[in-house]
C-alpha atoms as a PDB file:
ATOM      1  CA  UNK A   1       0.000   0.000   0.000  1.00  0.00           C
ATOM      2  CA  UNK A   2       2.829   2.388   0.888  1.00  0.00           C
ATOM      3  CA  UNK A   3       4.589   1.652  -2.406  1.00  0.00           C
ATOM      4  CA  UNK A   4       1.446   2.384  -4.391  1.00  0.00           C
ATOM      5  CA  UNK A   5       0.959   5.661  -2.519  1.00  0.00           C
ATOM      6  CA  UNK A   6       4.590   6.665  -3.086  1.00  0.00           C
ATOM      7  CA  UNK A   7       4.374   5.872  -6.807  1.00  0.00           C
ATOM      8  CA  UNK A   8       1.095   7.792  -7.128  1.00  0.00           C
ATOM      9  CA  UNK A   9       2.607  10.748  -5.270  1.00  0.00           C
ATOM     10  CA  UNK A  10       5.517  10.759  -7.710  1.00  0.00           C
ATOM     11  CA  UNK A  11       3.144  10.678 -10.667  1.00  0.00           C
ATOM     12  CA  UNK A  12       1.047  13.503  -9.195  1.00  0.00           C
ATOM     13  CA  UNK A  13       4.167  15.591  -8.711  1.00  0.00           C
ATOM     14  CA  UNK A  14       5.120  14.906 -12.333  1.00  0.00           C
ATOM     15  CA  UNK A  15       1.678  16.058 -13.481  1.00  0.00           C
ATOM     16  CA  UNK A  16       1.960  19.200 -11.332  1.00  0.00           C
ATOM     17  CA  UNK A  17       5.441  20.005 -12.701  1.00  0.00           C
ATOM     18  CA  UNK A  18       4.165  19.482 -16.256  1.00  0.00           C
ATOM     19  CA  UNK A  19       1.395  21.983 -15.569  1.00  0.00           C
ATOM     20  CA  UNK A  20       3.940  24.448 -14.201  1.00  0.00           C
ATOM     21  CA  UNK A  21       6.078  23.937 -17.330  1.00  0.00           C
ATOM     22  CA  UNK A  22       3.133  24.691 -19.621  1.00  0.00           C
ATOM     23  CA  UNK A  23       2.216  27.834 -17.686  1.00  0.00           C
ATOM     24  CA  UNK A  24       3.475  31.294 -18.635  1.00  0.00           C
ATOM     25  CA  UNK A  25       6.136  31.166 -15.915  1.00  0.00           C
ATOM     26  CA  UNK A  26       7.279  27.624 -16.724  1.00  0.00           C
ATOM     27  CA  UNK A  27      10.976  26.930 -17.160  1.00  0.00           C
ATOM     28  CA  UNK A  28      13.149  24.102 -18.361  1.00  0.00           C
ATOM     29  CA  UNK A  29      13.686  23.174 -14.717  1.00  0.00           C
ATOM     30  CA  UNK A  30       9.965  22.368 -14.445  1.00  0.00           C
ATOM     31  CA  UNK A  31      10.249  20.181 -17.538  1.00  0.00           C
ATOM     32  CA  UNK A  32      13.214  18.370 -16.031  1.00  0.00           C
ATOM     33  CA  UNK A  33      11.312  17.673 -12.833  1.00  0.00           C
ATOM     34  CA  UNK A  34       8.254  16.583 -14.814  1.00  0.00           C
ATOM     35  CA  UNK A  35      10.422  13.970 -16.536  1.00  0.00           C
ATOM     36  CA  UNK A  36      12.215  12.891 -13.339  1.00  0.00           C
ATOM     37  CA  UNK A  37       9.190  12.177 -11.145  1.00  0.00           C
ATOM     38  CA  UNK A  38       7.945   9.238 -13.259  1.00  0.00           C
ATOM     39  CA  UNK A  39      11.452   7.779 -13.057  1.00  0.00           C
ATOM     40  CA  UNK A  40      11.238   8.022  -9.264  1.00  0.00           C
ATOM     41  CA  UNK A  41       7.887   6.195  -9.363  1.00  0.00           C
ATOM     42  CA  UNK A  42       9.451   3.406 -11.416  1.00  0.00           C
ATOM     43  CA  UNK A  43      12.392   3.252  -8.987  1.00  0.00           C
ATOM     44  CA  UNK A  44      10.043   2.851  -6.006  1.00  0.00           C
ATOM     45  CA  UNK A  45       8.193  -0.014  -7.678  1.00  0.00           C
ATOM     46  CA  UNK A  46      11.420  -1.684  -8.847  1.00  0.00           C
ATOM     47  CA  UNK A  47      12.992  -1.451  -5.354  1.00  0.00           C
ATOM     48  CA  UNK A  48       9.899  -2.947  -3.732  1.00  0.00           C
ATOM     49  CA  UNK A  49       9.855  -5.822  -6.215  1.00  0.00           C
ATOM     50  CA  UNK A  50      13.571  -6.410  -5.676  1.00  0.00           C
ATOM     51  CA  UNK A  51      13.155  -6.519  -1.883  1.00  0.00           C
ATOM     52  CA  UNK A  52      10.279  -8.999  -2.195  1.00  0.00           C
ATOM     53  CA  UNK A  53      12.340 -11.277  -4.427  1.00  0.00           C
ATOM     54  CA  UNK A  54      15.313 -11.160  -2.051  1.00  0.00           C
ATOM     55  CA  UNK A  55      13.100 -11.884   0.974  1.00  0.00           C
ATOM     56  CA  UNK A  56      11.494 -14.918  -0.660  1.00  0.00           C
ATOM     57  CA  UNK A  57      14.640 -16.617  -1.918  1.00  0.00           C
ATOM     58  CA  UNK A  58      17.745 -14.954  -0.516  1.00  0.00           C
ATOM     59  CA  UNK A  59      20.089 -17.929  -0.903  1.00  0.00           C
ATOM     60  CA  UNK A  60      18.857 -18.842  -4.380  1.00  0.00           C
ATOM     61  CA  UNK A  61      19.119 -15.267  -5.558  1.00  0.00           C
ATOM     62  CA  UNK A  62      22.654 -14.854  -4.199  1.00  0.00           C
ATOM     63  CA  UNK A  63      23.745 -18.073  -5.877  1.00  0.00           C
ATOM     64  CA  UNK A  64      22.164 -17.016  -9.164  1.00  0.00           C
ATOM     65  CA  UNK A  65      23.749 -13.571  -9.025  1.00  0.00           C
ATOM     66  CA  UNK A  66      27.151 -15.115  -8.231  1.00  0.00           C
ATOM     67  CA  UNK A  67      26.828 -17.358 -11.276  1.00  0.00           C
ATOM     68  CA  UNK A  68      25.919 -14.402 -13.467  1.00  0.00           C
ATOM     69  CA  UNK A  69      28.823 -12.269 -12.305  1.00  0.00           C
ATOM     70  CA  UNK A  70      31.509 -14.820 -12.993  1.00  0.00           C
ATOM     71  CA  UNK A  71      34.905 -14.600 -11.338  1.00  0.00           C
ATOM     72  CA  UNK A  72      34.997 -12.542  -8.152  1.00  0.00           C
ATOM     73  CA  UNK A  73      38.744 -12.772  -7.509  1.00  0.00           C
ATOM     74  CA  UNK A  74      41.183 -10.344  -9.067  1.00  0.00           C
ATOM     75  CA  UNK A  75      43.942 -12.186 -10.905  1.00  0.00           C
ATOM     76  CA  UNK A  76      47.468 -11.653  -9.631  1.00  0.00           C
ATOM     77  CA  UNK A  77      49.523  -9.101 -11.519  1.00  0.00           C
ATOM     78  CA  UNK A  78      46.669  -6.784 -12.504  1.00  0.00           C
ATOM     79  CA  UNK A  79      46.951  -4.423  -9.545  1.00  0.00           C
ATOM     80  CA  UNK A  80      50.223  -2.712  -8.617  1.00  0.00           C
ATOM     81  CA  UNK A  81      52.031  -3.845  -5.478  1.00  0.00           C
ATOM     82  CA  UNK A  82      51.094  -2.071  -2.282  1.00  0.00           C
ATOM     83  CA  UNK A  83      53.672   0.398  -1.040  1.00  0.00           C
ATOM     84  CA  UNK A  84      55.440  -0.557   2.140  1.00  0.00           C
ATOM     85  CA  UNK A  85      55.433   1.662   5.184  1.00  0.00           C
ATOM     86  CA  UNK A  86      58.824   3.270   5.708  1.00  0.00           C
ATOM     87  CA  UNK A  87      60.574   2.572   8.974  1.00  0.00           C
ATOM     88  CA  UNK A  88      61.307   5.334  11.465  1.00  0.00           C
ATOM     89  CA  UNK A  89      65.032   5.094  10.807  1.00  0.00           C
ATOM     90  CA  UNK A  90      64.540   5.789   7.099  1.00  0.00           C
ATOM     91  CA  UNK A  91      62.597   8.968   7.917  1.00  0.00           C
ATOM     92  CA  UNK A  92      65.300  10.535  10.049  1.00  0.00           C
ATOM     93  CA  UNK A  93      67.592  12.850   8.141  1.00  0.00           C
ATOM     94  CA  UNK A  94      70.981  13.957   9.183  1.00  0.00           C
ATOM     95  CA  UNK A  95      71.177  17.719   9.261  1.00  0.00           C
ATOM     96  CA  UNK A  96      74.352  19.683   9.046  1.00  0.00           C
ATOM     97  CA  UNK A  97      75.845  21.479  12.036  1.00  0.00           C
ATOM     98  CA  UNK A  98      75.079  24.806  10.339  1.00  0.00           C
ATOM     99  CA  UNK A  99      71.350  23.979  10.111  1.00  0.00           C
ATOM    100  CA  UNK A 100      71.315  22.834  13.748  1.00  0.00           C
ATOM    101  CA  UNK A 101      73.008  26.039  14.930  1.00  0.00           C
ATOM    102  CA  UNK A 102      70.576  28.158  12.906  1.00  0.00           C
ATOM    103  CA  UNK A 103      67.654  26.320  14.482  1.00  0.00           C
ATOM    104  CA  UNK A 104      69.149  26.728  17.966  1.00  0.00           C
ATOM    105  CA  UNK A 105      69.669  30.468  17.339  1.00  0.00           C
ATOM    106  CA  UNK A 106      66.079  30.863  16.165  1.00  0.00           C
ATOM    107  CA  UNK A 107      64.709  28.975  19.183  1.00  0.00           C
ATOM    108  CA  UNK A 108      66.831  31.160  21.474  1.00  0.00           C
ATOM    109  CA  UNK A 109      65.440  34.274  19.781  1.00  0.00           C
ATOM    110  CA  UNK A 110      61.870  33.044  20.296  1.00  0.00           C
ATOM    111  CA  UNK A 111      62.596  32.285  23.971  1.00  0.00           C
ATOM    112  CA  UNK A 112      63.969  35.817  24.445  1.00  0.00           C
ATOM    113  CA  UNK A 113      60.850  37.294  22.863  1.00  0.00           C
ATOM    114  CA  UNK A 114      58.680  35.227  25.154  1.00  0.00           C
ATOM    115  CA  UNK A 115      60.595  36.361  28.277  1.00  0.00           C
ATOM    116  CA  UNK A 116      60.385  40.088  27.486  1.00  0.00           C
ATOM    117  CA  UNK A 117      57.574  42.048  29.110  1.00  0.00           C
ATOM    118  CA  UNK A 118      54.932  43.137  26.681  1.00  0.00           C
ATOM    119  CA  UNK A 119      55.235  46.796  25.639  1.00  0.00           C
ATOM    120  CA  UNK A 120      51.688  46.996  24.309  1.00  0.00           C
ATOM    121  CA  UNK A 121      48.546  46.440  26.313  1.00  0.00           C
ATOM    122  CA  UNK A 122      46.101  44.183  24.539  1.00  0.00           C
ATOM    123  CA  UNK A 123      43.052  45.062  26.640  1.00  0.00           C
ATOM    124  CA  UNK A 124      39.875  45.550  24.694  1.00  0.00           C
ATOM    125  CA  UNK A 125      39.168  48.765  26.636  1.00  0.00           C
ATOM    126  CA  UNK A 126      42.077  50.584  24.984  1.00  0.00           C
ATOM    127  CA  UNK A 127      41.060  49.701  21.467  1.00  0.00           C
ATOM    128  CA  UNK A 128      39.348  52.333  19.431  1.00  0.00           C
ATOM    129  CA  UNK A 129      36.839  51.477  16.702  1.00  0.00           C
END
């Protein structure tokens, strides 16, 4: 009963969209919807029929669909090999002493900036619009 009502609702919406398309303010969008709603009605009926078939004979249907599909395994050699995960030791890079000293100098500079007292007050009261 619900399927019949859903299909009828889709057909009524198609009829309504067709009427909107034929009106003076109708657009191509209305025509598109008028053509889509019957497809939705067919989809509702097809899905209901498919569910009924699968409920009645689930094992038979699965066996029949497996026979129709053929081979389900992928033959070796078709797909590329999976990449391997690099080890942690291969990710570590040796940096030069110059790069390390530059990084240490930069970190020292940031620490000095952090230790200095702030010269500007960031209160919202002092801000002007």
